[in-house]
């Protein structure tokens, strides 16, 4: 996808945030573990906030600090298109692994989008969103390690 415009990238980012929200809510309905449900609901709400920021950006809410929407961009988004398998009766540890993958992809996306901006408010917000996504990844990886590699009584 060469020579995409910033507008098309923002539209893609909004779509990705919507899909992430829907995916987390779907996973929430499939998993039984209460802690996993709470984590997925938290992540879903974060994705809603990210979408709201992107909509504000798209609609000109950051005048003077943002790139013009018709600015050409040569950006690879293959990792954003990959969809992890979501199935009925998904196990808790699989839920955390799916979530970690989504958060990593989102962090990479926001870091790359920030690189296209000059210093300023928008760049800092995008980098902040990338850091938030990495904190989410850290949380779900921690939860994954605790469910996938449970400690035995012997240590």
N, C-alpha and C. Protein backbone atom coordinates (compact mmCIF):
# COMPACT_ATOMS: atom_id res chain seq x y z
N UNK A 1 0.84 -1.18 0.00
CA UNK A 1 0.00 0.00 0.00
C UNK A 1 0.88 1.23 0.00
N UNK A 2 1.42 1.55 -1.13
CA UNK A 2 2.32 2.69 -1.23
C UNK A 2 1.54 3.97 -1.47
N UNK A 3 2.17 5.07 -1.08
CA UNK A 3 1.63 6.40 -1.30
C UNK A 3 0.22 6.58 -0.75
N UNK A 4 0.00 6.06 0.42
CA UNK A 4 -1.28 6.31 1.09
C UNK A 4 -1.27 7.74 1.61
N UNK A 5 -2.42 8.32 1.76
CA UNK A 5 -2.49 9.65 2.36
C UNK A 5 -2.63 9.49 3.87
N UNK A 6 -2.32 10.55 4.57
CA UNK A 6 -2.50 10.54 6.02
C UNK A 6 -3.96 10.28 6.36
N UNK A 7 -4.85 10.85 5.56
CA UNK A 7 -6.28 10.64 5.79
C UNK A 7 -6.64 9.16 5.73
N UNK A 8 -6.07 8.44 4.75
CA UNK A 8 -6.39 7.01 4.65
C UNK A 8 -5.75 6.23 5.81
N UNK A 9 -4.58 6.67 6.28
CA UNK A 9 -3.97 6.02 7.43
C UNK A 9 -4.78 6.25 8.70
N UNK A 10 -5.27 7.46 8.88
CA UNK A 10 -6.10 7.76 10.04
C UNK A 10 -7.39 6.94 9.97
N UNK A 11 -7.98 6.84 8.78
CA UNK A 11 -9.19 6.03 8.61
C UNK A 11 -8.90 4.58 8.96
N UNK A 12 -7.75 4.08 8.54
CA UNK A 12 -7.36 2.71 8.86
C UNK A 12 -7.16 2.55 10.37
N UNK A 13 -6.52 3.53 10.99
CA UNK A 13 -6.30 3.47 12.43
C UNK A 13 -7.63 3.46 13.18
N UNK A 14 -8.57 4.27 12.74
CA UNK A 14 -9.90 4.28 13.37
C UNK A 14 -10.55 2.91 13.21
N UNK A 15 -10.47 2.35 12.02
CA UNK A 15 -11.03 1.02 11.77
C UNK A 15 -10.36 -0.02 12.66
N UNK A 16 -9.03 0.06 12.79
CA UNK A 16 -8.30 -0.89 13.64
C UNK A 16 -8.73 -0.77 15.10
N UNK A 17 -8.93 0.45 15.58
CA UNK A 17 -9.38 0.64 16.96
C UNK A 17 -10.78 0.08 17.16
N UNK A 18 -11.66 0.28 16.17
CA UNK A 18 -13.01 -0.29 16.25
C UNK A 18 -12.95 -1.82 16.27
N UNK A 19 -12.11 -2.39 15.40
CA UNK A 19 -11.98 -3.84 15.34
C UNK A 19 -11.38 -4.39 16.63
N UNK A 20 -10.41 -3.67 17.19
CA UNK A 20 -9.81 -4.11 18.45
C UNK A 20 -10.86 -4.11 19.56
N UNK A 21 -11.67 -3.05 19.61
CA UNK A 21 -12.74 -2.98 20.60
C UNK A 21 -13.68 -4.18 20.45
N UNK A 22 -14.14 -4.41 19.22
CA UNK A 22 -15.07 -5.52 18.96
C UNK A 22 -14.42 -6.86 19.29
N UNK A 23 -13.15 -7.00 18.95
CA UNK A 23 -12.44 -8.25 19.21
C UNK A 23 -12.33 -8.52 20.71
N UNK A 24 -11.97 -7.49 21.48
CA UNK A 24 -11.86 -7.66 22.93
C UNK A 24 -13.22 -7.99 23.54
N UNK A 25 -14.28 -7.36 23.05
CA UNK A 25 -15.61 -7.65 23.58
C UNK A 25 -16.04 -9.07 23.20
N UNK A 26 -15.68 -9.51 22.00
CA UNK A 26 -16.00 -10.88 21.58
C UNK A 26 -15.24 -11.88 22.45
N UNK A 27 -13.94 -11.63 22.65
CA UNK A 27 -13.15 -12.51 23.50
C UNK A 27 -13.73 -12.54 24.91
N UNK A 28 -14.18 -11.39 25.38
CA UNK A 28 -14.77 -11.30 26.72
C UNK A 28 -15.98 -12.21 26.84
N UNK A 29 -16.75 -12.31 25.78
CA UNK A 29 -17.94 -13.17 25.81
C UNK A 29 -17.59 -14.64 25.72
N UNK A 30 -16.38 -14.96 25.27
CA UNK A 30 -15.97 -16.35 25.09
C UNK A 30 -15.22 -16.93 26.28
N UNK A 31 -14.58 -16.06 27.06
CA UNK A 31 -13.74 -16.54 28.16
C UNK A 31 -14.55 -16.57 29.45
N UNK A 32 -14.25 -17.53 30.30
CA UNK A 32 -14.96 -17.68 31.57
C UNK A 32 -14.25 -16.99 32.73
N UNK A 33 -12.94 -16.89 32.67
CA UNK A 33 -12.14 -16.36 33.76
C UNK A 33 -12.50 -14.90 34.06
N UNK A 34 -12.92 -14.57 35.29
CA UNK A 34 -13.34 -13.20 35.62
C UNK A 34 -12.23 -12.16 35.45
N UNK A 35 -11.00 -12.52 35.80
CA UNK A 35 -9.89 -11.58 35.64
C UNK A 35 -9.63 -11.29 34.17
N UNK A 36 -9.72 -12.32 33.34
CA UNK A 36 -9.55 -12.12 31.89
C UNK A 36 -10.67 -11.22 31.36
N UNK A 37 -11.89 -11.44 31.82
CA UNK A 37 -13.02 -10.60 31.39
C UNK A 37 -12.77 -9.14 31.75
N UNK A 38 -12.32 -8.88 32.99
CA UNK A 38 -12.05 -7.51 33.42
C UNK A 38 -10.96 -6.87 32.58
N UNK A 39 -9.90 -7.63 32.31
CA UNK A 39 -8.79 -7.12 31.50
C UNK A 39 -9.27 -6.77 30.10
N UNK A 40 -10.05 -7.65 29.50
CA UNK A 40 -10.54 -7.41 28.15
C UNK A 40 -11.48 -6.21 28.09
N UNK A 41 -12.31 -6.03 29.11
CA UNK A 41 -13.19 -4.86 29.16
C UNK A 41 -12.37 -3.58 29.29
N UNK A 42 -11.31 -3.61 30.11
CA UNK A 42 -10.43 -2.46 30.25
C UNK A 42 -9.78 -2.11 28.91
N UNK A 43 -9.24 -3.12 28.23
CA UNK A 43 -8.60 -2.88 26.94
C UNK A 43 -9.60 -2.35 25.92
N UNK A 44 -10.81 -2.86 25.93
CA UNK A 44 -11.84 -2.39 25.00
C UNK A 44 -12.12 -0.90 25.22
N UNK A 45 -12.22 -0.48 26.47
CA UNK A 45 -12.47 0.93 26.76
C UNK A 45 -11.30 1.81 26.32
N UNK A 46 -10.08 1.31 26.47
CA UNK A 46 -8.91 2.05 26.01
C UNK A 46 -8.97 2.25 24.49
N UNK A 47 -9.39 1.22 23.76
CA UNK A 47 -9.48 1.32 22.31
C UNK A 47 -10.53 2.37 21.92
N UNK A 48 -11.61 2.48 22.68
CA UNK A 48 -12.62 3.51 22.42
C UNK A 48 -12.01 4.91 22.57
N UNK A 49 -11.16 5.08 23.58
CA UNK A 49 -10.52 6.38 23.79
C UNK A 49 -9.55 6.69 22.65
N UNK A 50 -8.83 5.68 22.18
CA UNK A 50 -7.91 5.89 21.06
C UNK A 50 -8.69 6.32 19.81
N UNK A 51 -9.82 5.67 19.58
CA UNK A 51 -10.65 6.03 18.42
C UNK A 51 -11.10 7.49 18.54
N UNK A 52 -11.52 7.90 19.73
CA UNK A 52 -11.98 9.28 19.93
C UNK A 52 -10.87 10.27 19.60
N UNK A 53 -9.64 9.97 20.01
CA UNK A 53 -8.51 10.84 19.69
C UNK A 53 -8.31 10.92 18.17
N UNK A 54 -8.34 9.77 17.51
CA UNK A 54 -8.13 9.73 16.07
C UNK A 54 -9.23 10.48 15.31
N UNK A 55 -10.45 10.36 15.77
CA UNK A 55 -11.56 11.09 15.14
C UNK A 55 -11.34 12.60 15.31
N UNK A 56 -10.90 13.01 16.50
CA UNK A 56 -10.61 14.43 16.74
C UNK A 56 -9.50 14.89 15.80
N UNK A 57 -8.46 14.07 15.65
CA UNK A 57 -7.35 14.39 14.75
C UNK A 57 -7.88 14.55 13.33
N UNK A 58 -8.64 13.56 12.87
CA UNK A 58 -9.18 13.57 11.51
C UNK A 58 -10.05 14.79 11.26
N UNK A 59 -10.82 15.17 12.26
CA UNK A 59 -11.77 16.27 12.10
C UNK A 59 -11.14 17.64 12.34
N UNK A 60 -9.82 17.70 12.47
CA UNK A 60 -9.13 18.98 12.58
C UNK A 60 -9.03 19.53 13.99
N UNK A 61 -9.16 18.69 14.98
CA UNK A 61 -9.12 19.14 16.36
C UNK A 61 -7.75 19.56 16.84
N UNK A 62 -6.72 19.35 16.04
CA UNK A 62 -5.36 19.73 16.42
C UNK A 62 -4.77 20.68 15.38
N UNK A 63 -5.50 21.67 15.01
CA UNK A 63 -5.07 22.61 13.97
C UNK A 63 -3.67 23.16 14.27
N UNK A 64 -2.88 23.22 13.23
CA UNK A 64 -1.53 23.76 13.35
C UNK A 64 -0.50 22.75 13.82
N UNK A 65 -0.92 21.73 14.54
CA UNK A 65 0.02 20.74 15.06
C UNK A 65 0.02 19.46 14.24
N UNK A 66 -0.94 19.32 13.35
CA UNK A 66 -1.10 18.07 12.60
C UNK A 66 -0.63 18.23 11.16
N UNK A 67 -0.31 17.10 10.56
CA UNK A 67 0.00 17.09 9.13
C UNK A 67 -1.29 17.28 8.35
N UNK A 68 -1.20 17.84 7.13
CA UNK A 68 -2.42 17.93 6.32
C UNK A 68 -2.91 16.53 5.94
N UNK A 69 -4.21 16.36 5.89
CA UNK A 69 -4.78 15.04 5.63
C UNK A 69 -4.42 14.49 4.26
N UNK A 70 -4.11 15.36 3.31
CA UNK A 70 -3.77 14.86 1.98
C UNK A 70 -2.27 14.66 1.79
N UNK A 71 -1.50 14.73 2.88
CA UNK A 71 -0.06 14.50 2.80
C UNK A 71 0.21 13.06 2.37
N UNK A 72 1.02 12.84 1.32
CA UNK A 72 1.30 11.47 0.89
C UNK A 72 2.19 10.76 1.90
N UNK A 73 1.93 9.49 2.10
CA UNK A 73 2.67 8.69 3.06
C UNK A 73 3.00 7.35 2.41
N UNK A 74 4.25 6.92 2.51
CA UNK A 74 4.64 5.59 2.06
C UNK A 74 4.83 4.75 3.31
N UNK A 75 3.83 3.96 3.68
CA UNK A 75 3.83 3.27 4.96
C UNK A 75 3.35 1.85 4.80
N UNK A 76 4.08 0.88 5.40
CA UNK A 76 3.72 -0.54 5.33
C UNK A 76 2.86 -0.90 6.53
N UNK A 77 1.76 -1.57 6.28
CA UNK A 77 0.82 -1.87 7.36
C UNK A 77 0.48 -3.35 7.45
N UNK A 78 1.34 -4.20 6.92
CA UNK A 78 1.04 -5.63 6.87
C UNK A 78 0.69 -6.20 8.24
N UNK A 79 1.44 -5.78 9.26
CA UNK A 79 1.18 -6.34 10.59
C UNK A 79 -0.18 -5.91 11.14
N UNK A 80 -0.72 -4.82 10.63
CA UNK A 80 -2.04 -4.39 11.06
C UNK A 80 -3.16 -5.23 10.45
N UNK A 81 -2.87 -5.87 9.33
CA UNK A 81 -3.88 -6.66 8.64
C UNK A 81 -3.99 -8.08 9.19
N UNK A 82 -2.95 -8.57 9.83
CA UNK A 82 -2.96 -9.94 10.36
C UNK A 82 -3.99 -10.05 11.47
N UNK A 83 -4.83 -11.06 11.38
CA UNK A 83 -5.86 -11.27 12.39
C UNK A 83 -5.58 -12.57 13.13
N UNK A 84 -5.46 -12.50 14.45
CA UNK A 84 -5.29 -13.75 15.20
C UNK A 84 -6.58 -14.55 15.17
N UNK A 85 -6.44 -15.85 15.32
CA UNK A 85 -7.61 -16.72 15.30
C UNK A 85 -8.39 -16.59 16.60
N UNK A 86 -9.65 -16.28 16.47
CA UNK A 86 -10.54 -16.20 17.62
C UNK A 86 -11.57 -17.30 17.44
N UNK A 87 -11.68 -18.15 18.44
CA UNK A 87 -12.58 -19.30 18.31
C UNK A 87 -13.41 -19.47 19.57
N UNK A 88 -14.48 -20.22 19.42
CA UNK A 88 -15.34 -20.51 20.57
C UNK A 88 -14.54 -21.35 21.56
N UNK A 89 -14.83 -21.19 22.83
CA UNK A 89 -14.14 -21.92 23.90
C UNK A 89 -12.64 -21.61 23.95
N UNK A 90 -12.29 -20.37 23.66
CA UNK A 90 -10.89 -19.96 23.71
C UNK A 90 -10.41 -20.05 25.15
N UNK A 91 -9.18 -20.51 25.32
CA UNK A 91 -8.61 -20.64 26.67
C UNK A 91 -8.08 -19.29 27.13
N UNK A 92 -8.06 -19.13 28.44
CA UNK A 92 -7.63 -17.86 29.03
C UNK A 92 -6.25 -17.45 28.53
N UNK A 93 -5.30 -18.36 28.53
CA UNK A 93 -3.95 -17.97 28.11
C UNK A 93 -3.91 -17.56 26.64
N UNK A 94 -4.77 -18.17 25.81
CA UNK A 94 -4.83 -17.78 24.40
C UNK A 94 -5.39 -16.37 24.25
N UNK A 95 -6.36 -16.04 25.09
CA UNK A 95 -6.93 -14.69 25.09
C UNK A 95 -5.83 -13.66 25.35
N UNK A 96 -5.00 -13.92 26.35
CA UNK A 96 -3.92 -12.99 26.68
C UNK A 96 -2.90 -12.90 25.56
N UNK A 97 -2.61 -14.00 24.90
CA UNK A 97 -1.66 -13.99 23.80
C UNK A 97 -2.21 -13.20 22.61
N UNK A 98 -3.48 -13.39 22.31
CA UNK A 98 -4.12 -12.62 21.23
C UNK A 98 -4.06 -11.13 21.56
N UNK A 99 -4.39 -10.78 22.80
CA UNK A 99 -4.38 -9.38 23.22
C UNK A 99 -2.98 -8.79 23.14
N UNK A 100 -1.96 -9.53 23.56
CA UNK A 100 -0.58 -9.03 23.51
C UNK A 100 -0.17 -8.73 22.08
N UNK A 101 -0.55 -9.60 21.16
CA UNK A 101 -0.22 -9.40 19.75
C UNK A 101 -0.90 -8.13 19.22
N UNK A 102 -2.16 -7.94 19.56
CA UNK A 102 -2.88 -6.74 19.12
C UNK A 102 -2.24 -5.47 19.69
N UNK A 103 -1.86 -5.51 20.95
CA UNK A 103 -1.26 -4.33 21.58
C UNK A 103 0.10 -4.00 20.96
N UNK A 104 0.89 -5.01 20.65
CA UNK A 104 2.18 -4.77 19.99
C UNK A 104 1.98 -4.13 18.62
N UNK A 105 1.05 -4.66 17.85
CA UNK A 105 0.79 -4.09 16.53
C UNK A 105 0.33 -2.64 16.64
N UNK A 106 -0.52 -2.36 17.61
CA UNK A 106 -1.00 -0.99 17.79
C UNK A 106 0.14 -0.06 18.21
N UNK A 107 1.00 -0.52 19.10
CA UNK A 107 2.14 0.30 19.54
C UNK A 107 3.06 0.62 18.36
N UNK A 108 3.36 -0.37 17.55
CA UNK A 108 4.20 -0.15 16.37
C UNK A 108 3.55 0.84 15.41
N UNK A 109 2.25 0.72 15.23
CA UNK A 109 1.53 1.62 14.34
C UNK A 109 1.65 3.06 14.82
N UNK A 110 1.40 3.31 16.11
CA UNK A 110 1.46 4.68 16.63
C UNK A 110 2.89 5.23 16.64
N UNK A 111 3.88 4.38 16.89
CA UNK A 111 5.27 4.83 16.83
C UNK A 111 5.62 5.26 15.41
N UNK A 112 5.22 4.48 14.43
CA UNK A 112 5.52 4.83 13.04
C UNK A 112 4.76 6.08 12.61
N UNK A 113 3.52 6.22 13.05
CA UNK A 113 2.75 7.42 12.73
C UNK A 113 3.39 8.65 13.37
N UNK A 114 3.89 8.51 14.58
CA UNK A 114 4.55 9.63 15.27
C UNK A 114 5.81 10.06 14.53
N UNK A 115 6.52 9.11 13.93
CA UNK A 115 7.75 9.44 13.20
C UNK A 115 7.48 10.36 12.02
N UNK A 116 6.26 10.36 11.51
CA UNK A 116 5.93 11.20 10.36
C UNK A 116 5.64 12.64 10.75
N UNK A 117 5.49 12.91 12.02
CA UNK A 117 5.13 14.24 12.49
C UNK A 117 6.35 15.00 13.01
N UNK A 118 6.35 16.32 12.81
CA UNK A 118 7.40 17.11 13.46
C UNK A 118 7.13 17.14 14.96
N UNK A 119 8.09 17.60 15.72
CA UNK A 119 7.88 17.69 17.17
C UNK A 119 6.65 18.52 17.48
N UNK A 120 6.06 18.25 18.60
CA UNK A 120 4.88 19.02 18.99
C UNK A 120 3.83 18.14 19.64
N UNK A 121 2.66 18.73 19.85
CA UNK A 121 1.59 18.09 20.60
C UNK A 121 1.13 16.77 19.98
N UNK A 122 0.90 16.76 18.68
CA UNK A 122 0.39 15.54 18.04
C UNK A 122 1.40 14.41 18.15
N UNK A 123 2.66 14.71 17.87
CA UNK A 123 3.70 13.69 17.96
C UNK A 123 3.76 13.13 19.38
N UNK A 124 3.72 14.00 20.37
CA UNK A 124 3.77 13.55 21.76
C UNK A 124 2.56 12.70 22.14
N UNK A 125 1.39 13.08 21.65
CA UNK A 125 0.19 12.28 21.93
C UNK A 125 0.31 10.91 21.28
N UNK A 126 0.78 10.85 20.05
CA UNK A 126 0.94 9.56 19.37
C UNK A 126 1.96 8.68 20.09
N UNK A 127 3.07 9.28 20.52
CA UNK A 127 4.06 8.51 21.28
C UNK A 127 3.49 8.05 22.61
N UNK A 128 2.68 8.89 23.23
CA UNK A 128 2.01 8.50 24.47
C UNK A 128 1.06 7.33 24.25
N UNK A 129 0.35 7.35 23.12
CA UNK A 129 -0.54 6.23 22.81
C UNK A 129 0.26 4.96 22.59
N UNK A 130 1.42 5.07 21.94
CA UNK A 130 2.28 3.90 21.73
C UNK A 130 2.75 3.35 23.08
N UNK A 131 3.13 4.25 24.00
CA UNK A 131 3.55 3.79 25.32
C UNK A 131 2.40 3.11 26.06
N UNK A 132 1.21 3.66 25.92
CA UNK A 132 0.03 3.04 26.54
C UNK A 132 -0.20 1.63 26.01
N UNK A 133 -0.08 1.48 24.70
CA UNK A 133 -0.26 0.16 24.10
C UNK A 133 0.79 -0.82 24.62
N UNK A 134 2.02 -0.36 24.83
CA UNK A 134 3.07 -1.23 25.36
C UNK A 134 2.79 -1.59 26.82
N UNK A 135 2.22 -0.66 27.58
CA UNK A 135 1.83 -1.00 28.95
C UNK A 135 0.72 -2.05 28.95
N UNK A 136 -0.20 -1.92 28.01
CA UNK A 136 -1.26 -2.94 27.89
C UNK A 136 -0.63 -4.29 27.55
N UNK A 137 0.32 -4.29 26.63
CA UNK A 137 1.00 -5.53 26.24
C UNK A 137 1.70 -6.14 27.44
N UNK A 138 2.38 -5.30 28.21
CA UNK A 138 3.07 -5.79 29.40
C UNK A 138 2.08 -6.46 30.35
N UNK A 139 0.94 -5.83 30.55
CA UNK A 139 -0.07 -6.38 31.46
C UNK A 139 -0.57 -7.73 30.99
N UNK A 140 -0.95 -7.83 29.71
CA UNK A 140 -1.50 -9.10 29.25
C UNK A 140 -0.43 -10.18 29.14
N UNK A 141 0.82 -9.80 28.87
CA UNK A 141 1.89 -10.80 28.87
C UNK A 141 2.15 -11.32 30.29
N UNK A 142 2.06 -10.44 31.27
CA UNK A 142 2.19 -10.86 32.66
C UNK A 142 1.08 -11.85 33.00
N UNK A 143 -0.14 -11.50 32.64
CA UNK A 143 -1.27 -12.39 32.90
C UNK A 143 -1.12 -13.71 32.14
N UNK A 144 -0.61 -13.63 30.91
CA UNK A 144 -0.37 -14.85 30.13
C UNK A 144 0.64 -15.74 30.85
N UNK A 145 1.74 -15.15 31.28
CA UNK A 145 2.78 -15.97 31.93
C UNK A 145 2.26 -16.62 33.21
N UNK A 146 1.36 -15.94 33.90
CA UNK A 146 0.78 -16.51 35.12
C UNK A 146 -0.24 -17.60 34.84
N UNK A 147 -0.85 -17.59 33.66
CA UNK A 147 -1.81 -18.65 33.33
C UNK A 147 -1.16 -19.77 32.54
N UNK A 148 -0.19 -19.46 31.72
CA UNK A 148 0.45 -20.49 30.89
C UNK A 148 1.51 -21.26 31.66
N UNK A 149 2.15 -20.59 32.61
CA UNK A 149 3.25 -21.21 33.36
C UNK A 149 2.96 -21.11 34.85
N UNK A 150 1.93 -21.76 35.30
CA UNK A 150 1.55 -21.68 36.71
C UNK A 150 2.62 -22.31 37.58
N UNK A 151 2.84 -21.68 38.72
CA UNK A 151 3.85 -22.17 39.66
C UNK A 151 3.28 -23.33 40.47
N UNK A 152 4.10 -24.32 40.66
CA UNK A 152 3.67 -25.48 41.46
C UNK A 152 4.02 -25.26 42.92
N UNK A 153 3.53 -26.12 43.78
CA UNK A 153 3.80 -26.01 45.22
C UNK A 153 5.29 -26.14 45.52
N UNK A 154 6.03 -26.81 44.66
CA UNK A 154 7.46 -27.00 44.88
C UNK A 154 8.30 -25.83 44.41
N UNK A 155 7.71 -24.79 43.85
CA UNK A 155 8.47 -23.62 43.46
C UNK A 155 8.56 -23.51 42.02
